[in-house]
Amino acid sequence: MAILGNVEEIQVVKERLETLKGQGLIKEWEVPYEHLLTRLSAAVFFLTPSEPSRTEDIRTALSCYPNLHYGVNENKQLSRMDWKFEYHP
């Protein structure tokens, strides 16, 4: 997946997601409506772990960014992926 867009904070998280994908923790990830986003706190990231048991490892790897909130993507309206996470100020 090419890393596009203009919000630097979002780009940093996306680069981290690509690293985690390369390490085999994440199977796939996405940021819907990225072209409309103007700040990290407006973004909702979705991902599917490579294995369900890797979820805590992923959360730990992404917790270096402040105010992480994550959980199961129950309604699957914006994405079909298993987990969602976002950052709140």
C-alpha atoms as a PDB file:
ATOM      1  CA  MET A   1       0.000   0.000   0.000  1.00  0.00           C
ATOM      2  CA  ALA A   2       1.446   3.363  -0.982  1.00  0.00           C
ATOM      3  CA  ILE A   3       1.747   5.947   1.744  1.00  0.00           C
ATOM      4  CA  LEU A   4      -0.123   9.044   0.525  1.00  0.00           C
ATOM      5  CA  GLY A   5      -1.794  12.040   2.133  1.00  0.00           C
ATOM      6  CA  ASN A   6      -0.735  15.274   3.777  1.00  0.00           C
ATOM      7  CA  VAL A   7      -1.074  14.996   7.557  1.00  0.00           C
ATOM      8  CA  GLU A   8       2.367  14.267   8.969  1.00  0.00           C
ATOM      9  CA  GLU A   9       1.100  12.631  12.189  1.00  0.00           C
ATOM     10  CA  ILE A  10      -1.048  10.237  10.167  1.00  0.00           C
ATOM     11  CA  GLN A  11       1.895   9.446   7.900  1.00  0.00           C
ATOM     12  CA  VAL A  12       4.011   8.503  10.925  1.00  0.00           C
ATOM     13  CA  VAL A  13       1.342   6.062  12.154  1.00  0.00           C
ATOM     14  CA  LYS A  14       0.950   4.619   8.660  1.00  0.00           C
ATOM     15  CA  GLU A  15       4.694   4.053   8.410  1.00  0.00           C
ATOM     16  CA  ARG A  16       4.560   2.268  11.767  1.00  0.00           C
ATOM     17  CA  LEU A  17       1.695   0.086  10.514  1.00  0.00           C
ATOM     18  CA  GLU A  18       3.736  -0.828   7.440  1.00  0.00           C
ATOM     19  CA  THR A  19       6.648  -1.763   9.718  1.00  0.00           C
ATOM     20  CA  LEU A  20       4.366  -3.971  11.825  1.00  0.00           C
ATOM     21  CA  LYS A  21       3.025  -5.553   8.652  1.00  0.00           C
ATOM     22  CA  GLY A  22       6.593  -6.260   7.536  1.00  0.00           C
ATOM     23  CA  GLN A  23       7.280  -7.834  10.937  1.00  0.00           C
ATOM     24  CA  GLY A  24       4.301 -10.146  10.469  1.00  0.00           C
ATOM     25  CA  LEU A  25       2.113  -8.690  13.238  1.00  0.00           C
ATOM     26  CA  ILE A  26      -0.487  -7.170  10.914  1.00  0.00           C
ATOM     27  CA  LYS A  27      -2.077  -8.900   7.955  1.00  0.00           C
ATOM     28  CA  GLU A  28      -3.628  -5.714   6.519  1.00  0.00           C
ATOM     29  CA  TRP A  29      -4.638  -2.185   7.548  1.00  0.00           C
ATOM     30  CA  GLU A  30      -6.452   0.864   6.187  1.00  0.00           C
ATOM     31  CA  VAL A  31      -7.476   4.455   6.933  1.00  0.00           C
ATOM     32  CA  PRO A  32     -10.839   5.229   5.293  1.00  0.00           C
ATOM     33  CA  TYR A  33     -11.388   8.737   3.918  1.00  0.00           C
ATOM     34  CA  GLU A  34      -7.761   9.636   4.475  1.00  0.00           C
ATOM     35  CA  HIS A  35      -7.842  12.321   1.799  1.00  0.00           C
ATOM     36  CA  LEU A  36     -10.406  14.246   3.915  1.00  0.00           C
ATOM     37  CA  LEU A  37      -8.470  14.130   7.186  1.00  0.00           C
ATOM     38  CA  THR A  38      -6.785  17.184   8.653  1.00  0.00           C
ATOM     39  CA  ARG A  39      -5.497  15.822  11.966  1.00  0.00           C
ATOM     40  CA  LEU A  40      -4.603  12.553  13.666  1.00  0.00           C
ATOM     41  CA  SER A  41      -7.502  12.765  16.126  1.00  0.00           C
ATOM     42  CA  ALA A  42      -9.949  12.656  13.188  1.00  0.00           C
ATOM     43  CA  ALA A  43      -8.500   9.429  11.790  1.00  0.00           C
ATOM     44  CA  VAL A  44      -9.842   5.955  12.442  1.00  0.00           C
ATOM     45  CA  PHE A  45      -7.419   3.171  11.576  1.00  0.00           C
ATOM     46  CA  PHE A  46      -8.524  -0.395  10.955  1.00  0.00           C
ATOM     47  CA  LEU A  47      -6.407  -3.520  10.929  1.00  0.00           C
ATOM     48  CA  THR A  48      -6.487  -7.267  10.908  1.00  0.00           C
ATOM     49  CA  PRO A  49      -3.810  -8.960  13.011  1.00  0.00           C
ATOM     50  CA  SER A  50      -1.843 -11.764  11.406  1.00  0.00           C
ATOM     51  CA  GLU A  51      -2.969 -13.927  14.348  1.00  0.00           C
ATOM     52  CA  PRO A  52      -5.643 -13.125  16.959  1.00  0.00           C
ATOM     53  CA  SER A  53      -3.064 -13.677  19.698  1.00  0.00           C
ATOM     54  CA  ARG A  54      -0.948 -10.775  18.334  1.00  0.00           C
ATOM     55  CA  THR A  55      -3.476  -8.067  19.239  1.00  0.00           C
ATOM     56  CA  GLU A  56      -1.748  -7.103  22.488  1.00  0.00           C
ATOM     57  CA  ASP A  57       1.633  -6.938  20.718  1.00  0.00           C
ATOM     58  CA  ILE A  58       0.119  -4.579  18.154  1.00  0.00           C
ATOM     59  CA  ARG A  59      -1.479  -2.403  20.832  1.00  0.00           C
ATOM     60  CA  THR A  60       1.839  -2.187  22.648  1.00  0.00           C
ATOM     61  CA  ALA A  61       3.668  -1.258  19.432  1.00  0.00           C
ATOM     62  CA  LEU A  62       1.173   1.529  18.717  1.00  0.00           C
ATOM     63  CA  SER A  63       0.951   2.835  22.274  1.00  0.00           C
ATOM     64  CA  CYS A  64       4.002   5.025  21.715  1.00  0.00           C
ATOM     65  CA  TYR A  65       1.520   7.484  20.244  1.00  0.00           C
ATOM     66  CA  PRO A  66      -0.431   9.272  23.011  1.00  0.00           C
ATOM     67  CA  ASN A  67      -4.100   8.657  23.783  1.00  0.00           C
ATOM     68  CA  LEU A  68      -4.593   5.410  21.891  1.00  0.00           C
ATOM     69  CA  HIS A  69      -8.096   3.908  22.005  1.00  0.00           C
ATOM     70  CA  TYR A  70      -8.650   0.537  20.387  1.00  0.00           C
ATOM     71  CA  GLY A  71     -11.229  -2.205  20.208  1.00  0.00           C
ATOM     72  CA  VAL A  72     -13.047  -4.740  18.113  1.00  0.00           C
ATOM     73  CA  ASN A  73     -14.623  -3.301  14.962  1.00  0.00           C
ATOM     74  CA  GLU A  74     -18.116  -4.505  15.783  1.00  0.00           C
ATOM     75  CA  ASN A  75     -20.307  -2.658  13.287  1.00  0.00           C
ATOM     76  CA  LYS A  76     -17.996  -3.015  10.255  1.00  0.00           C
ATOM     77  CA  GLN A  77     -19.541   0.074   8.616  1.00  0.00           C
ATOM     78  CA  LEU A  78     -16.326   1.820   7.605  1.00  0.00           C
ATOM     79  CA  SER A  79     -14.179  -1.282   7.249  1.00  0.00           C
ATOM     80  CA  ARG A  80     -14.484  -5.055   7.177  1.00  0.00           C
ATOM     81  CA  MET A  81     -11.289  -5.415   9.227  1.00  0.00           C
ATOM     82  CA  ASP A  82     -11.342  -6.891  12.729  1.00  0.00           C
ATOM     83  CA  TRP A  83      -9.946  -4.075  14.892  1.00  0.00           C
ATOM     84  CA  LYS A  84     -10.143  -0.286  14.951  1.00  0.00           C
ATOM     85  CA  PHE A  85      -8.049   2.256  16.753  1.00  0.00           C
ATOM     86  CA  GLU A  86      -7.929   6.000  17.028  1.00  0.00           C
ATOM     87  CA  TYR A  87      -6.152   8.711  18.955  1.00  0.00           C
ATOM     88  CA  HIS A  88      -8.011  11.249  21.068  1.00  0.00           C
ATOM     89  CA  PRO A  89      -6.502  14.522  22.304  1.00  0.00           C
END
